[in-house]
Amino acid sequence: MSFIARTCRDVSRLILQREDRALTLVERLAVRFHLRICLMCTRFTGQVQLMNQAMGQWKRYAETDEAAPDDGTEAGSGR
């Protein structure tokens, strides 16, 4: 296999790994090249980004919920 030409399986693995580590220059170029020609991997990249955004929103929501003062009332109970 060449340095740039990668399979969809390889590229999807790299897309997920770049969440945890910095990809090498060759890996970044391989992903960029592959995404230019593969619609399915481009869609997968968008799905991963959407999941990351949703998790970020959930974390912010959970942090604000934990920071709310505990006055003995339940949220949304109207008491």
PDB file of N, CA and C in Angstrom:
ATOM      1  N   MET A   1       0.850  -1.178   0.000  1.00  0.00           N
ATOM      2  CA  MET A   1       0.000   0.000   0.000  1.00  0.00           C
ATOM      3  C   MET A   1       0.891   1.235   0.000  1.00  0.00           C
ATOM      4  N   SER A   2       0.500   2.215  -0.768  1.00  0.00           N
ATOM      5  CA  SER A   2       1.290   3.440  -0.819  1.00  0.00           C
ATOM      6  C   SER A   2       1.053   4.264   0.442  1.00  0.00           C
ATOM      7  N   PHE A   3       1.875   5.296   0.595  1.00  0.00           N
ATOM      8  CA  PHE A   3       1.753   6.147   1.775  1.00  0.00           C
ATOM      9  C   PHE A   3       0.448   6.934   1.776  1.00  0.00           C
ATOM     10  N   ILE A   4      -0.038   7.285   0.604  1.00  0.00           N
ATOM     11  CA  ILE A   4      -1.224   8.127   0.507  1.00  0.00           C
ATOM     12  C   ILE A   4      -2.493   7.312   0.302  1.00  0.00           C
ATOM     13  N   ALA A   5      -2.472   6.327  -0.578  1.00  0.00           N
ATOM     14  CA  ALA A   5      -3.679   5.544  -0.869  1.00  0.00           C
ATOM     15  C   ALA A   5      -4.019   4.661   0.325  1.00  0.00           C
ATOM     16  N   ARG A   6      -5.204   4.852   0.867  1.00  0.00           N
ATOM     17  CA  ARG A   6      -5.671   4.094   2.031  1.00  0.00           C
ATOM     18  C   ARG A   6      -7.065   3.576   1.751  1.00  0.00           C
ATOM     19  N   THR A   7      -7.429   2.503   2.423  1.00  0.00           N
ATOM     20  CA  THR A   7      -8.783   1.965   2.307  1.00  0.00           C
ATOM     21  C   THR A   7      -9.710   2.759   3.222  1.00  0.00           C
ATOM     22  N   CYS A   8     -11.003   2.570   3.013  1.00  0.00           N
ATOM     23  CA  CYS A   8     -11.985   3.238   3.875  1.00  0.00           C
ATOM     24  C   CYS A   8     -11.803   2.795   5.326  1.00  0.00           C
ATOM     25  N   ARG A   9     -11.493   1.545   5.533  1.00  0.00           N
ATOM     26  CA  ARG A   9     -11.280   1.046   6.895  1.00  0.00           C
ATOM     27  C   ARG A   9     -10.105   1.772   7.557  1.00  0.00           C
ATOM     28  N   ASP A  10      -9.007   1.934   6.807  1.00  0.00           N
ATOM     29  CA  ASP A  10      -7.844   2.643   7.345  1.00  0.00           C
ATOM     30  C   ASP A  10      -8.190   4.089   7.675  1.00  0.00           C
ATOM     31  N   VAL A  11      -8.895   4.731   6.773  1.00  0.00           N
ATOM     32  CA  VAL A  11      -9.211   6.147   6.954  1.00  0.00           C
ATOM     33  C   VAL A  11     -10.194   6.338   8.116  1.00  0.00           C
ATOM     34  N   SER A  12     -11.179   5.474   8.235  1.00  0.00           N
ATOM     35  CA  SER A  12     -12.116   5.622   9.349  1.00  0.00           C
ATOM     36  C   SER A  12     -11.397   5.413  10.678  1.00  0.00           C
ATOM     37  N   ARG A  13     -10.433   4.502  10.712  1.00  0.00           N
ATOM     38  CA  ARG A  13      -9.638   4.300  11.929  1.00  0.00           C
ATOM     39  C   ARG A  13      -8.842   5.559  12.246  1.00  0.00           C
ATOM     40  N   LEU A  14      -8.248   6.171  11.230  1.00  0.00           N
ATOM     41  CA  LEU A  14      -7.469   7.399  11.450  1.00  0.00           C
ATOM     42  C   LEU A  14      -8.365   8.557  11.892  1.00  0.00           C
ATOM     43  N   ILE A  15      -9.568   8.639  11.338  1.00  0.00           N
ATOM     44  CA  ILE A  15     -10.503   9.702  11.719  1.00  0.00           C
ATOM     45  C   ILE A  15     -10.827   9.597  13.204  1.00  0.00           C
ATOM     46  N   LEU A  16     -11.035   8.377  13.671  1.00  0.00           N
ATOM     47  CA  LEU A  16     -11.309   8.183  15.094  1.00  0.00           C
ATOM     48  C   LEU A  16     -10.064   8.407  15.943  1.00  0.00           C
ATOM     49  N   GLN A  17      -8.906   8.017  15.460  1.00  0.00           N
ATOM     50  CA  GLN A  17      -7.674   8.186  16.233  1.00  0.00           C
ATOM     51  C   GLN A  17      -7.284   9.643  16.386  1.00  0.00           C
ATOM     52  N   ARG A  18      -7.648  10.478  15.423  1.00  0.00           N
ATOM     53  CA  ARG A  18      -7.240  11.884  15.533  1.00  0.00           C
ATOM     54  C   ARG A  18      -7.974  12.601  16.656  1.00  0.00           C
ATOM     55  N   GLU A  19      -8.974  11.959  17.237  1.00  0.00           N
ATOM     56  CA  GLU A  19      -9.621  12.512  18.425  1.00  0.00           C
ATOM     57  C   GLU A  19      -8.719  12.359  19.649  1.00  0.00           C
ATOM     58  N   ASP A  20      -7.852  11.350  19.638  1.00  0.00           N
ATOM     59  CA  ASP A  20      -7.020  11.035  20.794  1.00  0.00           C
ATOM     60  C   ASP A  20      -5.558  11.413  20.640  1.00  0.00           C
ATOM     61  N   ARG A  21      -5.112  11.568  19.410  1.00  0.00           N
ATOM     62  CA  ARG A  21      -3.704  11.872  19.185  1.00  0.00           C
ATOM     63  C   ARG A  21      -3.549  12.683  17.909  1.00  0.00           C
ATOM     64  N   ALA A  22      -2.410  13.323  17.789  1.00  0.00           N
ATOM     65  CA  ALA A  22      -2.105  14.062  16.571  1.00  0.00           C
ATOM     66  C   ALA A  22      -1.635  13.077  15.501  1.00  0.00           C
ATOM     67  N   LEU A  23      -2.219  13.174  14.319  1.00  0.00           N
ATOM     68  CA  LEU A  23      -1.806  12.307  13.230  1.00  0.00           C
ATOM     69  C   LEU A  23      -0.491  12.800  12.640  1.00  0.00           C
ATOM     70  N   THR A  24       0.259  11.870  12.078  1.00  0.00           N
ATOM     71  CA  THR A  24       1.502  12.247  11.412  1.00  0.00           C
ATOM     72  C   THR A  24       1.157  12.981  10.119  1.00  0.00           C
ATOM     73  N   LEU A  25       2.147  13.612   9.534  1.00  0.00           N
ATOM     74  CA  LEU A  25       1.942  14.331   8.285  1.00  0.00           C
ATOM     75  C   LEU A  25       1.422  13.383   7.204  1.00  0.00           C
ATOM     76  N   VAL A  26       2.007  12.216   7.086  1.00  0.00           N
ATOM     77  CA  VAL A  26       1.583  11.250   6.070  1.00  0.00           C
ATOM     78  C   VAL A  26       0.141  10.812   6.319  1.00  0.00           C
ATOM     79  N   GLU A  27      -0.214  10.585   7.576  1.00  0.00           N
ATOM     80  CA  GLU A  27      -1.585  10.189   7.901  1.00  0.00           C
ATOM     81  C   GLU A  27      -2.572  11.303   7.569  1.00  0.00           C
ATOM     82  N   ARG A  28      -2.217  12.539   7.914  1.00  0.00           N
ATOM     83  CA  ARG A  28      -3.100  13.666   7.601  1.00  0.00           C
ATOM     84  C   ARG A  28      -3.300  13.819   6.098  1.00  0.00           C
ATOM     85  N   LEU A  29      -2.233  13.670   5.342  1.00  0.00           N
ATOM     86  CA  LEU A  29      -2.345  13.764   3.887  1.00  0.00           C
ATOM     87  C   LEU A  29      -3.169  12.625   3.318  1.00  0.00           C
ATOM     88  N   ALA A  30      -2.988  11.433   3.855  1.00  0.00           N
ATOM     89  CA  ALA A  30      -3.765  10.281   3.388  1.00  0.00           C
ATOM     90  C   ALA A  30      -5.252  10.490   3.639  1.00  0.00           C
ATOM     91  N   VAL A  31      -5.601  10.990   4.823  1.00  0.00           N
ATOM     92  CA  VAL A  31      -7.009  11.244   5.145  1.00  0.00           C
ATOM     93  C   VAL A  31      -7.551  12.331   4.231  1.00  0.00           C
ATOM     94  N   ARG A  32      -6.833  13.410   4.080  1.00  0.00           N
ATOM     95  CA  ARG A  32      -7.285  14.520   3.237  1.00  0.00           C
ATOM     96  C   ARG A  32      -7.503  14.069   1.795  1.00  0.00           C
ATOM     97  N   PHE A  33      -6.552  13.298   1.254  1.00  0.00           N
ATOM     98  CA  PHE A  33      -6.668  12.797  -0.114  1.00  0.00           C
ATOM     99  C   PHE A  33      -7.876  11.870  -0.238  1.00  0.00           C
ATOM    100  N   HIS A  34      -8.029  10.966   0.689  1.00  0.00           N
ATOM    101  CA  HIS A  34      -9.131   9.997   0.632  1.00  0.00           C
ATOM    102  C   HIS A  34     -10.487  10.694   0.727  1.00  0.00           C
ATOM    103  N   LEU A  35     -10.588  11.693   1.595  1.00  0.00           N
ATOM    104  CA  LEU A  35     -11.863  12.394   1.755  1.00  0.00           C
ATOM    105  C   LEU A  35     -12.272  13.159   0.496  1.00  0.00           C
ATOM    106  N   ARG A  36     -11.308  13.503  -0.328  1.00  0.00           N
ATOM    107  CA  ARG A  36     -11.625  14.197  -1.583  1.00  0.00           C
ATOM    108  C   ARG A  36     -12.304  13.273  -2.586  1.00  0.00           C
ATOM    109  N   ILE A  37     -12.080  11.959  -2.452  1.00  0.00           N
ATOM    110  CA  ILE A  37     -12.617  11.037  -3.444  1.00  0.00           C
ATOM    111  C   ILE A  37     -13.680  10.087  -2.890  1.00  0.00           C
ATOM    112  N   CYS A  38     -13.905  10.090  -1.581  1.00  0.00           N
ATOM    113  CA  CYS A  38     -14.816   9.115  -0.988  1.00  0.00           C
ATOM    114  C   CYS A  38     -15.954   9.809  -0.238  1.00  0.00           C
ATOM    115  N   LEU A  39     -17.142   9.732  -0.785  1.00  0.00           N
ATOM    116  CA  LEU A  39     -18.306  10.364  -0.178  1.00  0.00           C
ATOM    117  C   LEU A  39     -18.667   9.707   1.156  1.00  0.00           C
ATOM    118  N   MET A  40     -18.547   8.406   1.246  1.00  0.00           N
ATOM    119  CA  MET A  40     -18.945   7.710   2.470  1.00  0.00           C
ATOM    120  C   MET A  40     -18.039   8.089   3.651  1.00  0.00           C
ATOM    121  N   CYS A  41     -16.761   8.180   3.437  1.00  0.00           N
ATOM    122  CA  CYS A  41     -15.851   8.579   4.517  1.00  0.00           C
ATOM    123  C   CYS A  41     -16.048  10.042   4.887  1.00  0.00           C
ATOM    124  N   THR A  42     -16.399  10.863   3.905  1.00  0.00           N
ATOM    125  CA  THR A  42     -16.711  12.264   4.191  1.00  0.00           C
ATOM    126  C   THR A  42     -17.944  12.344   5.083  1.00  0.00           C
ATOM    127  N   ARG A  43     -18.941  11.522   4.801  1.00  0.00           N
ATOM    128  CA  ARG A  43     -20.136  11.489   5.642  1.00  0.00           C
ATOM    129  C   ARG A  43     -19.802  10.979   7.043  1.00  0.00           C
ATOM    130  N   PHE A  44     -18.943   9.966   7.114  1.00  0.00           N
ATOM    131  CA  PHE A  44     -18.532   9.429   8.409  1.00  0.00           C
ATOM    132  C   PHE A  44     -17.836  10.506   9.234  1.00  0.00           C
ATOM    133  N   THR A  45     -16.982  11.295   8.592  1.00  0.00           N
ATOM    134  CA  THR A  45     -16.296  12.386   9.279  1.00  0.00           C
ATOM    135  C   THR A  45     -17.314  13.372   9.843  1.00  0.00           C
ATOM    136  N   GLY A  46     -18.341  13.702   9.072  1.00  0.00           N
ATOM    137  CA  GLY A  46     -19.388  14.597   9.547  1.00  0.00           C
ATOM    138  C   GLY A  46     -20.144  14.013  10.731  1.00  0.00           C
ATOM    139  N   GLN A  47     -20.388  12.702  10.700  1.00  0.00           N
ATOM    140  CA  GLN A  47     -21.080  12.053  11.807  1.00  0.00           C
ATOM    141  C   GLN A  47     -20.237  12.090  13.081  1.00  0.00           C
ATOM    142  N   VAL A  48     -18.937  11.871  12.943  1.00  0.00           N
ATOM    143  CA  VAL A  48     -18.040  11.927  14.100  1.00  0.00           C
ATOM    144  C   VAL A  48     -18.039  13.337  14.681  1.00  0.00           C
ATOM    145  N   GLN A  49     -17.985  14.349  13.821  1.00  0.00           N
ATOM    146  CA  GLN A  49     -18.012  15.733  14.292  1.00  0.00           C
ATOM    147  C   GLN A  49     -19.334  16.049  14.987  1.00  0.00           C
ATOM    148  N   LEU A  50     -20.441  15.550  14.447  1.00  0.00           N
ATOM    149  CA  LEU A  50     -21.748  15.766  15.063  1.00  0.00           C
ATOM    150  C   LEU A  50     -21.810  15.117  16.445  1.00  0.00           C
ATOM    151  N   MET A  51     -21.274  13.913  16.565  1.00  0.00           N
ATOM    152  CA  MET A  51     -21.261  13.241  17.871  1.00  0.00           C
ATOM    153  C   MET A  51     -20.403  14.010  18.869  1.00  0.00           C
ATOM    154  N   ASN A  52     -19.272  14.545  18.419  1.00  0.00           N
ATOM    155  CA  ASN A  52     -18.417  15.330  19.308  1.00  0.00           C
ATOM    156  C   ASN A  52     -19.122  16.596  19.777  1.00  0.00           C
ATOM    157  N   GLN A  53     -19.845  17.253  18.884  1.00  0.00           N
ATOM    158  CA  GLN A  53     -20.588  18.450  19.259  1.00  0.00           C
ATOM    159  C   GLN A  53     -21.690  18.111  20.259  1.00  0.00           C
ATOM    160  N   ALA A  54     -22.383  17.008  20.021  1.00  0.00           N
ATOM    161  CA  ALA A  54     -23.459  16.592  20.935  1.00  0.00           C
ATOM    162  C   ALA A  54     -22.894  16.264  22.309  1.00  0.00           C
ATOM    163  N   MET A  55     -21.762  15.594  22.353  1.00  0.00           N
ATOM    164  CA  MET A  55     -21.144  15.273  23.642  1.00  0.00           C
ATOM    165  C   MET A  55     -20.701  16.547  24.355  1.00  0.00           C
ATOM    166  N   GLY A  56     -20.182  17.513  23.609  1.00  0.00           N
ATOM    167  CA  GLY A  56     -19.791  18.778  24.213  1.00  0.00           C
ATOM    168  C   GLY A  56     -20.986  19.506  24.814  1.00  0.00           C
ATOM    169  N   GLN A  57     -22.105  19.507  24.101  1.00  0.00           N
ATOM    170  CA  GLN A  57     -23.314  20.145  24.619  1.00  0.00           C
ATOM    171  C   GLN A  57     -23.814  19.412  25.854  1.00  0.00           C
ATOM    172  N   TRP A  58     -23.765  18.098  25.823  1.00  0.00           N
ATOM    173  CA  TRP A  58     -24.224  17.312  26.966  1.00  0.00           C
ATOM    174  C   TRP A  58     -23.350  17.590  28.193  1.00  0.00           C
ATOM    175  N   LYS A  59     -22.039  17.682  27.980  1.00  0.00           N
ATOM    176  CA  LYS A  59     -21.137  17.974  29.102  1.00  0.00           C
ATOM    177  C   LYS A  59     -21.436  19.346  29.692  1.00  0.00           C
ATOM    178  N   ARG A  60     -21.666  20.349  28.820  1.00  0.00           N
ATOM    179  CA  ARG A  60     -21.997  21.693  29.323  1.00  0.00           C
ATOM    180  C   ARG A  60     -23.318  21.676  30.071  1.00  0.00           C
ATOM    181  N   TYR A  61     -24.288  20.938  29.572  1.00  0.00           N
ATOM    182  CA  TYR A  61     -25.582  20.828  30.241  1.00  0.00           C
ATOM    183  C   TYR A  61     -25.415  20.160  31.601  1.00  0.00           C
ATOM    184  N   ALA A  62     -24.633  19.088  31.657  1.00  0.00           N
ATOM    185  CA  ALA A  62     -24.419  18.371  32.915  1.00  0.00           C
ATOM    186  C   ALA A  62     -23.694  19.258  33.920  1.00  0.00           C
ATOM    187  N   GLU A  63     -22.740  20.056  33.458  1.00  0.00           N
ATOM    188  CA  GLU A  63     -22.004  20.947  34.362  1.00  0.00           C
ATOM    189  C   GLU A  63     -22.921  22.033  34.920  1.00  0.00           C
ATOM    190  N   THR A  64     -23.791  22.595  34.107  1.00  0.00           N
ATOM    191  CA  THR A  64     -24.695  23.638  34.602  1.00  0.00           C
ATOM    192  C   THR A  64     -25.750  23.040  35.517  1.00  0.00           C
ATOM    193  N   ASP A  65     -26.159  21.812  35.264  1.00  0.00           N
ATOM    194  CA  ASP A  65     -27.132  21.139  36.120  1.00  0.00           C
ATOM    195  C   ASP A  65     -26.531  20.856  37.491  1.00  0.00           C
ATOM    196  N   GLU A  66     -25.253  20.459  37.528  1.00  0.00           N
ATOM    197  CA  GLU A  66     -24.577  20.198  38.804  1.00  0.00           C
ATOM    198  C   GLU A  66     -24.316  21.484  39.571  1.00  0.00           C
ATOM    199  N   ALA A  67     -24.157  22.592  38.857  1.00  0.00           N
ATOM    200  CA  ALA A  67     -23.850  23.867  39.499  1.00  0.00           C
ATOM    201  C   ALA A  67     -25.097  24.552  40.042  1.00  0.00           C
ATOM    202  N   ALA A  68     -26.271  24.055  39.717  1.00  0.00           N
ATOM    203  CA  ALA A  68     -27.515  24.679  40.185  1.00  0.00           C
ATOM    204  C   ALA A  68     -27.615  24.522  41.704  1.00  0.00           C
ATOM    205  N   PRO A  69     -28.074  25.566  42.390  1.00  0.00           N
ATOM    206  CA  PRO A  69     -28.177  25.485  43.851  1.00  0.00           C
ATOM    207  C   PRO A  69     -29.218  24.461  44.270  1.00  0.00           C
ATOM    208  N   ASP A  70     -28.937  23.761  45.332  1.00  0.00           N
ATOM    209  CA  ASP A  70     -29.859  22.752  45.852  1.00  0.00           C
ATOM    210  C   ASP A  70     -30.710  23.396  46.940  1.00  0.00           C
ATOM    211  N   ASP A  71     -31.903  23.847  46.541  1.00  0.00           N
ATOM    212  CA  ASP A  71     -32.788  24.516  47.504  1.00  0.00           C
ATOM    213  C   ASP A  71     -33.917  23.599  47.963  1.00  0.00           C
ATOM    214  N   GLY A  72     -33.787  22.316  47.668  1.00  0.00           N
ATOM    215  CA  GLY A  72     -34.769  21.354  48.123  1.00  0.00           C
ATOM    216  C   GLY A  72     -35.947  21.180  47.182  1.00  0.00           C
ATOM    217  N   THR A  73     -35.988  21.920  46.102  1.00  0.00           N
ATOM    218  CA  THR A  73     -37.070  21.753  45.147  1.00  0.00           C
ATOM    219  C   THR A  73     -36.587  20.932  43.973  1.00  0.00           C
ATOM    220  N   GLU A  74     -37.518  20.282  43.332  1.00  0.00           N
ATOM    221  CA  GLU A  74     -37.177  19.509  42.160  1.00  0.00           C
ATOM    222  C   GLU A  74     -37.288  20.406  40.939  1.00  0.00           C
ATOM    223  N   ALA A  75     -36.408  20.141  39.959  1.00  0.00           N
ATOM    224  CA  ALA A  75     -36.420  20.929  38.739  1.00  0.00           C
ATOM    225  C   ALA A  75     -37.729  20.694  38.004  1.00  0.00           C
ATOM    226  N   GLY A  76     -38.388  21.754  37.613  1.00  0.00           N
ATOM    227  CA  GLY A  76     -39.619  21.666  36.831  1.00  0.00           C
ATOM    228  C   GLY A  76     -40.842  21.320  37.629  1.00  0.00           C
ATOM    229  N   SER A  77     -40.748  21.241  38.965  1.00  0.00           N
ATOM    230  CA  SER A  77     -41.922  20.858  39.766  1.00  0.00           C
ATOM    231  C   SER A  77     -42.831  22.056  40.053  1.00  0.00           C
ATOM    232  N   GLY A  78     -42.300  23.271  39.885  1.00  0.00           N
ATOM    233  CA  GLY A  78     -43.104  24.458  40.099  1.00  0.00           C
ATOM    234  C   GLY A  78     -43.241  24.836  41.564  1.00  0.00           C
ATOM    235  N   ARG A  79     -42.497  24.194  42.449  1.00  0.00           N
ATOM    236  CA  ARG A  79     -42.581  24.509  43.888  1.00  0.00           C
ATOM    237  C   ARG A  79     -41.648  25.601  44.259  1.00  0.00           C
TER     238      ARG A  79
END
